[in-house]
């Protein structure tokens, strides 16, 4: 019998368009506010004001930029989560299980999460949602991709 090649995991991008739009608008508002204050000249003589509004503007631009790329990319090598902070790349072989649960905070948001083989738990905050239906659909997709990798990987067996 001829050995079979691993079944490829199709590349998919999971994101929350509503979350992206809100973050884009909030970041844009902060960037415009800071630019307006810097351009108006009302803080020209105040070094603290210049630094403050420059930092607010830079933070707003960062939120605008990151909101455009937010989400989770699934591909044959693993997951890449792009949140507001740094991107996290997680190879499939490091993941022990895929779970879902309540995310951090007071509101009942749920997010799919990863349990690494060393026991560490990592939530995928870029996929957090108040809709359990949406979270379950993403959870099923990530879980099936992980299961597909595990069955075909000689290192994970």
C-alpha atoms as a PDB file:
ATOM      1  CA  UNK A   1       0.000   0.000   0.000  1.00  0.00           C
ATOM      2  CA  UNK A   2       1.275   3.457  -0.905  1.00  0.00           C
ATOM      3  CA  UNK A   3       1.727   5.922   1.982  1.00  0.00           C
ATOM      4  CA  UNK A   4      -0.804   8.712   1.925  1.00  0.00           C
ATOM      5  CA  UNK A   5       0.243  12.328   2.123  1.00  0.00           C
ATOM      6  CA  UNK A   6      -1.138  14.394   4.986  1.00  0.00           C
ATOM      7  CA  UNK A   7      -4.460  16.000   4.252  1.00  0.00           C
ATOM      8  CA  UNK A   8      -3.854  19.722   3.890  1.00  0.00           C
ATOM      9  CA  UNK A   9      -5.515  22.048   6.336  1.00  0.00           C
ATOM     10  CA  UNK A  10      -7.042  24.868   4.297  1.00  0.00           C
ATOM     11  CA  UNK A  11      -5.992  28.375   5.204  1.00  0.00           C
ATOM     12  CA  UNK A  12      -8.819  30.288   6.889  1.00  0.00           C
ATOM     13  CA  UNK A  13      -9.066  33.650   8.602  1.00  0.00           C
ATOM     14  CA  UNK A  14     -11.494  33.934  11.512  1.00  0.00           C
ATOM     15  CA  UNK A  15     -12.399  37.411  12.712  1.00  0.00           C
ATOM     16  CA  UNK A  16     -15.106  39.557  14.238  1.00  0.00           C
ATOM     17  CA  UNK A  17     -15.996  42.338  11.751  1.00  0.00           C
ATOM     18  CA  UNK A  18     -18.123  44.212  14.293  1.00  0.00           C
ATOM     19  CA  UNK A  19     -15.292  44.224  16.801  1.00  0.00           C
ATOM     20  CA  UNK A  20     -12.895  45.425  14.104  1.00  0.00           C
ATOM     21  CA  UNK A  21     -15.171  48.308  13.070  1.00  0.00           C
ATOM     22  CA  UNK A  22     -15.660  49.503  16.651  1.00  0.00           C
ATOM     23  CA  UNK A  23     -11.935  49.390  17.389  1.00  0.00           C
ATOM     24  CA  UNK A  24     -11.176  51.173  14.108  1.00  0.00           C
ATOM     25  CA  UNK A  25     -13.597  53.970  14.978  1.00  0.00           C
ATOM     26  CA  UNK A  26     -12.359  54.327  18.563  1.00  0.00           C
ATOM     27  CA  UNK A  27      -8.702  54.350  17.493  1.00  0.00           C
ATOM     28  CA  UNK A  28      -9.476  56.797  14.706  1.00  0.00           C
ATOM     29  CA  UNK A  29     -11.283  59.079  17.145  1.00  0.00           C
ATOM     30  CA  UNK A  30      -8.279  59.146  19.489  1.00  0.00           C
ATOM     31  CA  UNK A  31      -5.884  59.740  16.574  1.00  0.00           C
ATOM     32  CA  UNK A  32      -8.020  62.587  15.210  1.00  0.00           C
ATOM     33  CA  UNK A  33      -8.414  64.153  18.644  1.00  0.00           C
ATOM     34  CA  UNK A  34      -4.666  64.084  19.215  1.00  0.00           C
ATOM     35  CA  UNK A  35      -3.893  65.383  15.713  1.00  0.00           C
ATOM     36  CA  UNK A  36      -6.393  68.200  16.179  1.00  0.00           C
ATOM     37  CA  UNK A  37      -4.828  69.247  19.456  1.00  0.00           C
ATOM     38  CA  UNK A  38      -1.299  69.100  18.024  1.00  0.00           C
ATOM     39  CA  UNK A  39      -2.232  71.024  14.875  1.00  0.00           C
ATOM     40  CA  UNK A  40      -4.280  73.676  16.672  1.00  0.00           C
ATOM     41  CA  UNK A  41      -1.209  74.910  18.494  1.00  0.00           C
ATOM     42  CA  UNK A  42      -2.981  75.134  21.857  1.00  0.00           C
ATOM     43  CA  UNK A  43      -0.348  72.859  23.390  1.00  0.00           C
ATOM     44  CA  UNK A  44       2.641  74.355  21.528  1.00  0.00           C
ATOM     45  CA  UNK A  45       4.242  75.849  24.663  1.00  0.00           C
ATOM     46  CA  UNK A  46       3.559  72.879  26.889  1.00  0.00           C
ATOM     47  CA  UNK A  47       6.059  70.006  26.454  1.00  0.00           C
ATOM     48  CA  UNK A  48       3.930  67.684  28.606  1.00  0.00           C
ATOM     49  CA  UNK A  49       0.898  68.364  26.398  1.00  0.00           C
ATOM     50  CA  UNK A  50       2.923  67.719  23.242  1.00  0.00           C
ATOM     51  CA  UNK A  51       4.139  64.372  24.549  1.00  0.00           C
ATOM     52  CA  UNK A  52       0.708  63.427  25.896  1.00  0.00           C
ATOM     53  CA  UNK A  53      -1.107  64.109  22.635  1.00  0.00           C
ATOM     54  CA  UNK A  54       1.656  62.475  20.595  1.00  0.00           C
ATOM     55  CA  UNK A  55       1.288  59.313  22.699  1.00  0.00           C
ATOM     56  CA  UNK A  56      -2.517  59.420  22.425  1.00  0.00           C
ATOM     57  CA  UNK A  57      -2.225  59.855  18.650  1.00  0.00           C
ATOM     58  CA  UNK A  58       0.275  57.017  18.317  1.00  0.00           C
ATOM     59  CA  UNK A  59      -1.932  54.753  20.441  1.00  0.00           C
ATOM     60  CA  UNK A  60      -4.958  55.622  18.330  1.00  0.00           C
ATOM     61  CA  UNK A  61      -3.059  54.876  15.114  1.00  0.00           C
ATOM     62  CA  UNK A  62      -1.854  51.559  16.594  1.00  0.00           C
ATOM     63  CA  UNK A  63      -5.439  50.564  17.423  1.00  0.00           C
ATOM     64  CA  UNK A  64      -6.550  51.539  13.894  1.00  0.00           C
ATOM     65  CA  UNK A  65      -3.771  49.452  12.334  1.00  0.00           C
ATOM     66  CA  UNK A  66      -4.239  46.398  14.546  1.00  0.00           C
ATOM     67  CA  UNK A  67      -8.024  46.459  14.160  1.00  0.00           C
ATOM     68  CA  UNK A  68      -7.536  45.954  10.422  1.00  0.00           C
ATOM     69  CA  UNK A  69      -5.495  42.765  10.902  1.00  0.00           C
ATOM     70  CA  UNK A  70      -7.247  41.345  13.994  1.00  0.00           C
ATOM     71  CA  UNK A  71      -8.277  37.722  13.898  1.00  0.00           C
ATOM     72  CA  UNK A  72      -6.951  34.186  13.851  1.00  0.00           C
ATOM     73  CA  UNK A  73      -5.303  32.633  10.819  1.00  0.00           C
ATOM     74  CA  UNK A  74      -5.511  28.856  10.521  1.00  0.00           C
ATOM     75  CA  UNK A  75      -3.078  27.187   8.131  1.00  0.00           C
ATOM     76  CA  UNK A  76      -1.183  23.892   7.787  1.00  0.00           C
ATOM     77  CA  UNK A  77       1.569  25.079  10.150  1.00  0.00           C
ATOM     78  CA  UNK A  78      -0.722  26.146  13.014  1.00  0.00           C
ATOM     79  CA  UNK A  79      -2.589  29.170  14.359  1.00  0.00           C
ATOM     80  CA  UNK A  80      -1.607  32.815  14.265  1.00  0.00           C
ATOM     81  CA  UNK A  81      -3.590  35.077  16.581  1.00  0.00           C
ATOM     82  CA  UNK A  82      -3.445  38.776  15.835  1.00  0.00           C
ATOM     83  CA  UNK A  83      -4.928  40.824  18.648  1.00  0.00           C
ATOM     84  CA  UNK A  84      -4.313  44.418  19.688  1.00  0.00           C
ATOM     85  CA  UNK A  85      -0.905  43.475  21.056  1.00  0.00           C
ATOM     86  CA  UNK A  86       1.698  41.248  19.504  1.00  0.00           C
ATOM     87  CA  UNK A  87       0.798  38.365  17.217  1.00  0.00           C
ATOM     88  CA  UNK A  88       1.102  34.842  18.626  1.00  0.00           C
ATOM     89  CA  UNK A  89       2.129  31.971  16.355  1.00  0.00           C
ATOM     90  CA  UNK A  90       1.273  28.532  17.727  1.00  0.00           C
ATOM     91  CA  UNK A  91       2.321  25.389  15.804  1.00  0.00           C
ATOM     92  CA  UNK A  92      -0.188  22.520  15.765  1.00  0.00           C
ATOM     93  CA  UNK A  93       2.279  20.152  17.459  1.00  0.00           C
ATOM     94  CA  UNK A  94       2.394  22.337  20.612  1.00  0.00           C
ATOM     95  CA  UNK A  95      -1.393  22.237  21.092  1.00  0.00           C
ATOM     96  CA  UNK A  96      -2.659  19.461  23.338  1.00  0.00           C
ATOM     97  CA  UNK A  97      -6.369  20.323  23.173  1.00  0.00           C
ATOM     98  CA  UNK A  98      -8.791  22.983  22.016  1.00  0.00           C
ATOM     99  CA  UNK A  99     -11.295  24.203  24.602  1.00  0.00           C
ATOM    100  CA  UNK A 100     -13.882  26.892  24.959  1.00  0.00           C
ATOM    101  CA  UNK A 101     -14.849  28.846  27.997  1.00  0.00           C
ATOM    102  CA  UNK A 102     -15.510  32.203  29.539  1.00  0.00           C
ATOM    103  CA  UNK A 103     -13.017  34.874  28.627  1.00  0.00           C
ATOM    104  CA  UNK A 104     -11.516  37.303  31.122  1.00  0.00           C
ATOM    105  CA  UNK A 105     -13.621  40.150  32.444  1.00  0.00           C
ATOM    106  CA  UNK A 106     -17.009  40.734  34.025  1.00  0.00           C
ATOM    107  CA  UNK A 107     -19.187  40.300  30.917  1.00  0.00           C
ATOM    108  CA  UNK A 108     -20.066  36.739  29.898  1.00  0.00           C
ATOM    109  CA  UNK A 109     -17.949  36.741  26.718  1.00  0.00           C
ATOM    110  CA  UNK A 110     -16.743  33.368  25.526  1.00  0.00           C
ATOM    111  CA  UNK A 111     -13.628  32.620  23.539  1.00  0.00           C
ATOM    112  CA  UNK A 112     -12.075  29.499  22.085  1.00  0.00           C
ATOM    113  CA  UNK A 113      -8.886  28.583  23.862  1.00  0.00           C
ATOM    114  CA  UNK A 114      -5.871  26.364  23.501  1.00  0.00           C
ATOM    115  CA  UNK A 115      -4.374  24.008  26.048  1.00  0.00           C
ATOM    116  CA  UNK A 116      -0.716  23.383  25.324  1.00  0.00           C
ATOM    117  CA  UNK A 117       0.933  20.026  25.955  1.00  0.00           C
ATOM    118  CA  UNK A 118       2.834  21.572  28.878  1.00  0.00           C
ATOM    119  CA  UNK A 119      -0.506  22.449  30.551  1.00  0.00           C
ATOM    120  CA  UNK A 120      -0.534  26.181  29.771  1.00  0.00           C
ATOM    121  CA  UNK A 121      -3.909  27.610  28.745  1.00  0.00           C
ATOM    122  CA  UNK A 122      -4.163  30.426  26.206  1.00  0.00           C
ATOM    123  CA  UNK A 123      -7.395  32.143  25.184  1.00  0.00           C
ATOM    124  CA  UNK A 124      -7.900  33.422  21.675  1.00  0.00           C
ATOM    125  CA  UNK A 125      -9.147  36.871  22.626  1.00  0.00           C
ATOM    126  CA  UNK A 126      -9.414  38.007  19.000  1.00  0.00           C
ATOM    127  CA  UNK A 127     -12.312  35.540  18.654  1.00  0.00           C
ATOM    128  CA  UNK A 128     -14.138  36.476  21.861  1.00  0.00           C
ATOM    129  CA  UNK A 129     -17.848  36.971  21.386  1.00  0.00           C
ATOM    130  CA  UNK A 130     -21.067  37.241  23.350  1.00  0.00           C
ATOM    131  CA  UNK A 131     -22.720  34.863  20.878  1.00  0.00           C
ATOM    132  CA  UNK A 132     -22.193  31.246  21.892  1.00  0.00           C
ATOM    133  CA  UNK A 133     -23.261  30.144  18.393  1.00  0.00           C
ATOM    134  CA  UNK A 134     -20.374  32.034  16.778  1.00  0.00           C
ATOM    135  CA  UNK A 135     -17.868  30.808  19.352  1.00  0.00           C
ATOM    136  CA  UNK A 136     -19.012  27.199  18.923  1.00  0.00           C
ATOM    137  CA  UNK A 137     -18.633  27.440  15.124  1.00  0.00           C
ATOM    138  CA  UNK A 138     -15.060  28.737  15.476  1.00  0.00           C
ATOM    139  CA  UNK A 139     -14.366  26.166  18.185  1.00  0.00           C
ATOM    140  CA  UNK A 140     -15.525  23.339  15.901  1.00  0.00           C
ATOM    141  CA  UNK A 141     -13.396  24.598  13.013  1.00  0.00           C
ATOM    142  CA  UNK A 142     -10.240  24.933  15.111  1.00  0.00           C
ATOM    143  CA  UNK A 143     -10.864  21.573  16.794  1.00  0.00           C
ATOM    144  CA  UNK A 144     -11.358  19.765  13.462  1.00  0.00           C
ATOM    145  CA  UNK A 145      -8.207  21.355  12.007  1.00  0.00           C
ATOM    146  CA  UNK A 146      -6.238  20.272  15.088  1.00  0.00           C
ATOM    147  CA  UNK A 147      -7.654  16.742  14.902  1.00  0.00           C
ATOM    148  CA  UNK A 148      -6.774  16.575  11.210  1.00  0.00           C
ATOM    149  CA  UNK A 149      -3.210  17.584  11.984  1.00  0.00           C
ATOM    150  CA  UNK A 150      -2.843  15.118  14.852  1.00  0.00           C
ATOM    151  CA  UNK A 151      -3.981  12.160  12.720  1.00  0.00           C
ATOM    152  CA  UNK A 152      -1.494  13.002   9.978  1.00  0.00           C
ATOM    153  CA  UNK A 153       1.515  14.149  12.028  1.00  0.00           C
ATOM    154  CA  UNK A 154       4.171  11.619  12.988  1.00  0.00           C
ATOM    155  CA  UNK A 155       5.507  13.918  15.745  1.00  0.00           C
ATOM    156  CA  UNK A 156       2.123  14.247  17.480  1.00  0.00           C
ATOM    157  CA  UNK A 157       1.242  10.550  17.537  1.00  0.00           C
END
